Amino acid sequence: MKLILTNSGTESCVLNGFPGVSLTSTPTGDPIGAAASRDDTQPVANVVLAPGKSGFAQLRYTQAGNYPECTQVPATGFRVYPPEETASLFIPQQRTACSNTNINLLSVQAFQAG
């Protein structure tokens, strides 16, 4: 799936790098299990976004049921931290997470121009 960020400001901005992504049980809840690992098959580049333009990062989710040792728990969505930001966004989407932090269900690539 693609994580798409759109510049809603009046001036250009730059996305550079990877978002931080984790599954959560509520929009303000703690992360469940391991955060997304970085998939560095896509090079990191400055993505300049003019007002109204978007950039995206490819996010991959592996089914929790693929891991017999997974302690499955429901997640209501993804918490996403844009690069260089401390405030997060929430994307509601029901998934099954693993509470085990040694099982990584998520991987994410660096942002690219949309």
Protein backbone atom coordinates (compact mmCIF):
# COMPACT_ATOMS: atom_id res chain seq x y z
CA MET A 1 0.00 0.00 0.00
CA LYS A 2 1.11 3.57 -0.51
CA LEU A 3 1.40 6.13 2.28
CA ILE A 4 0.61 9.43 0.58
CA LEU A 5 1.44 12.80 2.12
CA THR A 6 0.14 15.99 0.51
CA ASN A 7 1.52 19.48 1.11
CA SER A 8 -1.48 21.42 2.43
CA GLY A 9 0.61 24.54 3.06
CA THR A 10 1.13 27.61 0.92
CA GLU A 11 4.88 27.08 0.36
CA SER A 12 6.95 24.17 -0.92
CA CYS A 13 8.24 21.64 1.58
CA VAL A 14 10.70 18.74 1.44
CA LEU A 15 10.20 15.10 2.37
CA ASN A 16 13.48 13.29 2.86
CA GLY A 17 13.79 9.76 4.13
CA PHE A 18 11.60 7.20 5.77
CA PRO A 19 8.39 7.57 7.73
CA GLY A 20 8.12 5.87 11.10
CA VAL A 21 5.21 3.42 10.99
CA SER A 22 3.65 1.13 13.58
CA LEU A 23 0.34 -0.61 14.21
CA THR A 24 -1.73 0.69 17.14
CA SER A 25 -4.92 -0.31 18.93
CA THR A 26 -6.26 3.28 19.02
CA PRO A 27 -5.35 6.60 17.31
CA THR A 28 -3.45 7.69 20.43
CA GLY A 29 -2.44 4.25 21.71
CA ASP A 30 1.00 2.74 22.10
CA PRO A 31 2.57 0.86 19.20
CA ILE A 32 1.84 -2.85 18.97
CA GLY A 33 4.85 -5.05 18.28
CA ALA A 34 7.76 -3.98 16.12
CA ALA A 35 7.81 -0.74 14.16
CA ALA A 36 8.25 -0.96 10.39
CA SER A 37 11.72 -1.89 9.21
CA ARG A 38 13.36 0.26 6.55
CA ASP A 39 13.42 -1.22 3.06
CA ASP A 40 16.35 0.52 1.43
CA THR A 41 15.79 -0.82 -2.10
CA GLN A 42 14.51 2.67 -3.04
CA PRO A 43 17.17 5.41 -2.70
CA VAL A 44 16.62 8.27 -0.26
CA ALA A 45 16.17 11.57 -2.09
CA ASN A 46 14.84 15.06 -1.43
CA VAL A 47 11.21 15.10 -2.55
CA VAL A 48 10.19 18.73 -3.02
CA LEU A 49 6.43 19.17 -2.74
CA ALA A 50 4.83 22.32 -4.10
CA PRO A 51 1.53 23.30 -2.44
CA GLY A 52 -1.10 20.65 -3.23
CA LYS A 53 1.47 18.09 -4.46
CA SER A 54 2.02 14.65 -2.90
CA GLY A 55 4.79 12.19 -2.20
CA PHE A 56 4.46 8.55 -1.26
CA ALA A 57 6.25 5.77 0.59
CA GLN A 58 5.54 2.12 -0.15
CA LEU A 59 4.38 0.22 2.96
CA ARG A 60 4.22 -3.56 3.12
CA TYR A 61 2.24 -5.58 5.66
CA THR A 62 2.75 -9.32 6.20
CA GLN A 63 -0.18 -11.31 7.57
CA ALA A 64 0.25 -12.06 11.28
CA GLY A 65 -1.10 -15.57 10.69
CA ASN A 66 2.07 -16.40 8.74
CA TYR A 67 3.98 -16.56 12.04
CA PRO A 68 3.01 -19.47 14.35
CA GLU A 69 4.84 -17.80 17.27
CA CYS A 70 2.85 -14.55 16.82
CA THR A 71 0.67 -13.44 19.72
CA GLN A 72 -2.12 -11.91 17.65
CA VAL A 73 -3.92 -8.76 18.80
CA PRO A 74 -6.30 -6.47 16.91
CA ALA A 75 -5.02 -3.15 15.59
CA THR A 76 -7.29 -0.32 14.46
CA GLY A 77 -4.73 1.33 12.21
CA PHE A 78 -1.29 2.69 11.49
CA ARG A 79 0.51 5.50 13.29
CA VAL A 80 2.76 7.34 10.84
CA TYR A 81 5.51 9.83 11.67
CA PRO A 82 6.63 11.81 8.60
CA PRO A 83 10.43 12.22 8.30
CA GLU A 84 11.89 14.75 10.74
CA GLU A 85 8.54 15.13 12.58
CA THR A 86 7.53 14.32 16.15
CA ALA A 87 3.78 14.63 15.55
CA SER A 88 2.08 11.57 14.12
CA LEU A 89 -0.79 10.91 11.75
CA PHE A 90 -3.27 8.03 12.13
CA ILE A 91 -4.60 5.92 9.29
CA PRO A 92 -7.58 3.85 10.41
CA GLN A 93 -7.43 0.35 8.94
CA GLN A 94 -8.29 -2.84 10.80
CA ARG A 95 -5.35 -5.29 10.87
CA THR A 96 -4.07 -8.09 13.03
CA ALA A 97 -0.81 -7.26 14.77
CA CYS A 98 1.73 -9.36 16.67
CA SER A 99 2.47 -8.17 20.17
CA ASN A 100 5.85 -9.91 19.88
CA THR A 101 8.45 -7.22 19.16
CA ASN A 102 10.77 -9.77 17.51
CA ILE A 103 8.26 -10.34 14.67
CA ASN A 104 8.27 -7.61 12.04
CA LEU A 105 5.06 -7.41 10.01
CA LEU A 106 5.80 -4.02 8.42
CA SER A 107 8.43 -2.65 6.07
CA VAL A 108 8.53 0.80 4.47
CA GLN A 109 10.50 2.47 1.70
CA ALA A 110 11.76 6.06 1.57
CA PHE A 111 9.44 8.77 0.25
CA GLN A 112 9.31 9.32 -3.51
CA ALA A 113 7.75 11.97 -5.70
CA GLY A 114 4.09 11.26 -6.43
